[in-house]
Amino acid sequence: MTDHPGAGAPEEQSLLSKISIEVVRTLKAKSYLLDEFLIVVMRGGVTVAEQTMLDRGHSDLVRTFRQTYQNELGD
């Protein structure tokens, strides 16, 4: 695994670099490319929108959304 865009084929480097830049621009994150899998690890674990909802007492909605999203991706 790597946390920099210097590994893999040139096409993968370019794609990993673009994804990493955009994710890091939005969230504190690291990206790893392992074979054909891209893994992005976010620090803090919540988006700005989720934090806003948590601050306003809607943790149930954040949890429900995350579970629904994960279920949809699992299919």
C-alpha atoms as a PDB file:
ATOM      1  CA  MET A   1       0.000   0.000   0.000  1.00  0.00           C
ATOM      2  CA  THR A   2       1.037   3.580  -0.481  1.00  0.00           C
ATOM      3  CA  ASP A   3      -0.102   6.934   0.813  1.00  0.00           C
ATOM      4  CA  HIS A   4       1.329   8.866  -2.095  1.00  0.00           C
ATOM      5  CA  PRO A   5       0.584   8.949  -5.792  1.00  0.00           C
ATOM      6  CA  GLY A   6       3.969   7.475  -6.754  1.00  0.00           C
ATOM      7  CA  ALA A   7       3.006   3.812  -7.048  1.00  0.00           C
ATOM      8  CA  GLY A   8       1.434   1.813  -9.842  1.00  0.00           C
ATOM      9  CA  ALA A   9       1.127   2.385 -13.558  1.00  0.00           C
ATOM     10  CA  PRO A  10       1.137   5.974 -14.896  1.00  0.00           C
ATOM     11  CA  GLU A  11      -2.640   5.887 -15.436  1.00  0.00           C
ATOM     12  CA  GLU A  12      -3.146   4.752 -11.830  1.00  0.00           C
ATOM     13  CA  GLN A  13      -0.774   7.431 -10.557  1.00  0.00           C
ATOM     14  CA  SER A  14      -2.737  10.111 -12.310  1.00  0.00           C
ATOM     15  CA  LEU A  15      -6.110   8.806 -11.132  1.00  0.00           C
ATOM     16  CA  LEU A  16      -4.913   8.255  -7.546  1.00  0.00           C
ATOM     17  CA  SER A  17      -3.363  11.708  -7.496  1.00  0.00           C
ATOM     18  CA  LYS A  18      -6.571  13.368  -8.724  1.00  0.00           C
ATOM     19  CA  ILE A  19      -8.741  11.478  -6.224  1.00  0.00           C
ATOM     20  CA  SER A  20      -6.359  12.190  -3.348  1.00  0.00           C
ATOM     21  CA  ILE A  21      -6.186  15.889  -4.118  1.00  0.00           C
ATOM     22  CA  GLU A  22      -9.969  16.257  -4.264  1.00  0.00           C
ATOM     23  CA  VAL A  23     -10.624  14.227  -1.111  1.00  0.00           C
ATOM     24  CA  VAL A  24      -7.881  15.974   0.852  1.00  0.00           C
ATOM     25  CA  ARG A  25      -9.199  19.315  -0.373  1.00  0.00           C
ATOM     26  CA  THR A  26     -12.531  18.480   1.272  1.00  0.00           C
ATOM     27  CA  LEU A  27     -11.476  16.351   4.239  1.00  0.00           C
ATOM     28  CA  LYS A  28      -8.301  15.412   6.046  1.00  0.00           C
ATOM     29  CA  ALA A  29      -7.565  12.099   4.378  1.00  0.00           C
ATOM     30  CA  LYS A  30      -4.985   9.654   3.081  1.00  0.00           C
ATOM     31  CA  SER A  31      -5.426   7.419   0.076  1.00  0.00           C
ATOM     32  CA  TYR A  32      -3.982   3.965  -0.498  1.00  0.00           C
ATOM     33  CA  LEU A  33      -3.917   1.969  -3.712  1.00  0.00           C
ATOM     34  CA  LEU A  34      -3.787  -1.802  -3.196  1.00  0.00           C
ATOM     35  CA  ASP A  35      -4.010  -3.820  -6.382  1.00  0.00           C
ATOM     36  CA  GLU A  36      -7.321  -2.645  -7.885  1.00  0.00           C
ATOM     37  CA  PHE A  37      -8.698  -1.150  -4.673  1.00  0.00           C
ATOM     38  CA  LEU A  38      -8.587   2.493  -3.684  1.00  0.00           C
ATOM     39  CA  ILE A  39      -8.964   3.037   0.046  1.00  0.00           C
ATOM     40  CA  VAL A  40      -9.464   6.529   1.447  1.00  0.00           C
ATOM     41  CA  VAL A  41      -9.036   6.978   5.191  1.00  0.00           C
ATOM     42  CA  MET A  42     -10.592  10.118   6.604  1.00  0.00           C
ATOM     43  CA  ARG A  43      -9.499  11.644   9.886  1.00  0.00           C
ATOM     44  CA  GLY A  44     -12.280  12.737  12.167  1.00  0.00           C
ATOM     45  CA  GLY A  45     -14.694  10.508  10.329  1.00  0.00           C
ATOM     46  CA  VAL A  46     -17.451  13.017   9.650  1.00  0.00           C
ATOM     47  CA  THR A  47     -18.107  15.413   6.821  1.00  0.00           C
ATOM     48  CA  VAL A  48     -18.912  19.078   7.401  1.00  0.00           C
ATOM     49  CA  ALA A  49     -22.581  18.363   6.691  1.00  0.00           C
ATOM     50  CA  GLU A  50     -22.601  15.440   9.139  1.00  0.00           C
ATOM     51  CA  GLN A  51     -20.904  17.562  11.821  1.00  0.00           C
ATOM     52  CA  THR A  52     -23.538  20.247  11.345  1.00  0.00           C
ATOM     53  CA  MET A  53     -26.269  17.663  11.842  1.00  0.00           C
ATOM     54  CA  LEU A  54     -24.477  16.210  14.899  1.00  0.00           C
ATOM     55  CA  ASP A  55     -24.095  19.697  16.406  1.00  0.00           C
ATOM     56  CA  ARG A  56     -27.836  20.182  16.038  1.00  0.00           C
ATOM     57  CA  GLY A  57     -28.660  16.920  17.795  1.00  0.00           C
ATOM     58  CA  HIS A  58     -29.449  14.765  14.751  1.00  0.00           C
ATOM     59  CA  SER A  59     -27.023  11.890  15.311  1.00  0.00           C
ATOM     60  CA  ASP A  60     -29.843   9.472  14.514  1.00  0.00           C
ATOM     61  CA  LEU A  61     -30.169  10.929  10.997  1.00  0.00           C
ATOM     62  CA  VAL A  62     -26.416  10.749  10.395  1.00  0.00           C
ATOM     63  CA  ARG A  63     -26.342   7.123  11.528  1.00  0.00           C
ATOM     64  CA  THR A  64     -29.395   6.223   9.434  1.00  0.00           C
ATOM     65  CA  PHE A  65     -27.969   7.891   6.328  1.00  0.00           C
ATOM     66  CA  ARG A  66     -24.613   6.154   6.705  1.00  0.00           C
ATOM     67  CA  GLN A  67     -26.246   2.765   7.201  1.00  0.00           C
ATOM     68  CA  THR A  68     -28.584   3.269   4.229  1.00  0.00           C
ATOM     69  CA  TYR A  69     -25.688   4.397   2.029  1.00  0.00           C
ATOM     70  CA  GLN A  70     -23.560   1.421   3.074  1.00  0.00           C
ATOM     71  CA  ASN A  71     -26.448  -0.966   2.404  1.00  0.00           C
ATOM     72  CA  GLU A  72     -26.994   0.491  -1.054  1.00  0.00           C
ATOM     73  CA  LEU A  73     -23.315   0.187  -1.934  1.00  0.00           C
ATOM     74  CA  GLY A  74     -23.276  -3.391  -0.670  1.00  0.00           C
ATOM     75  CA  ASP A  75     -25.854  -4.419  -3.253  1.00  0.00           C
END
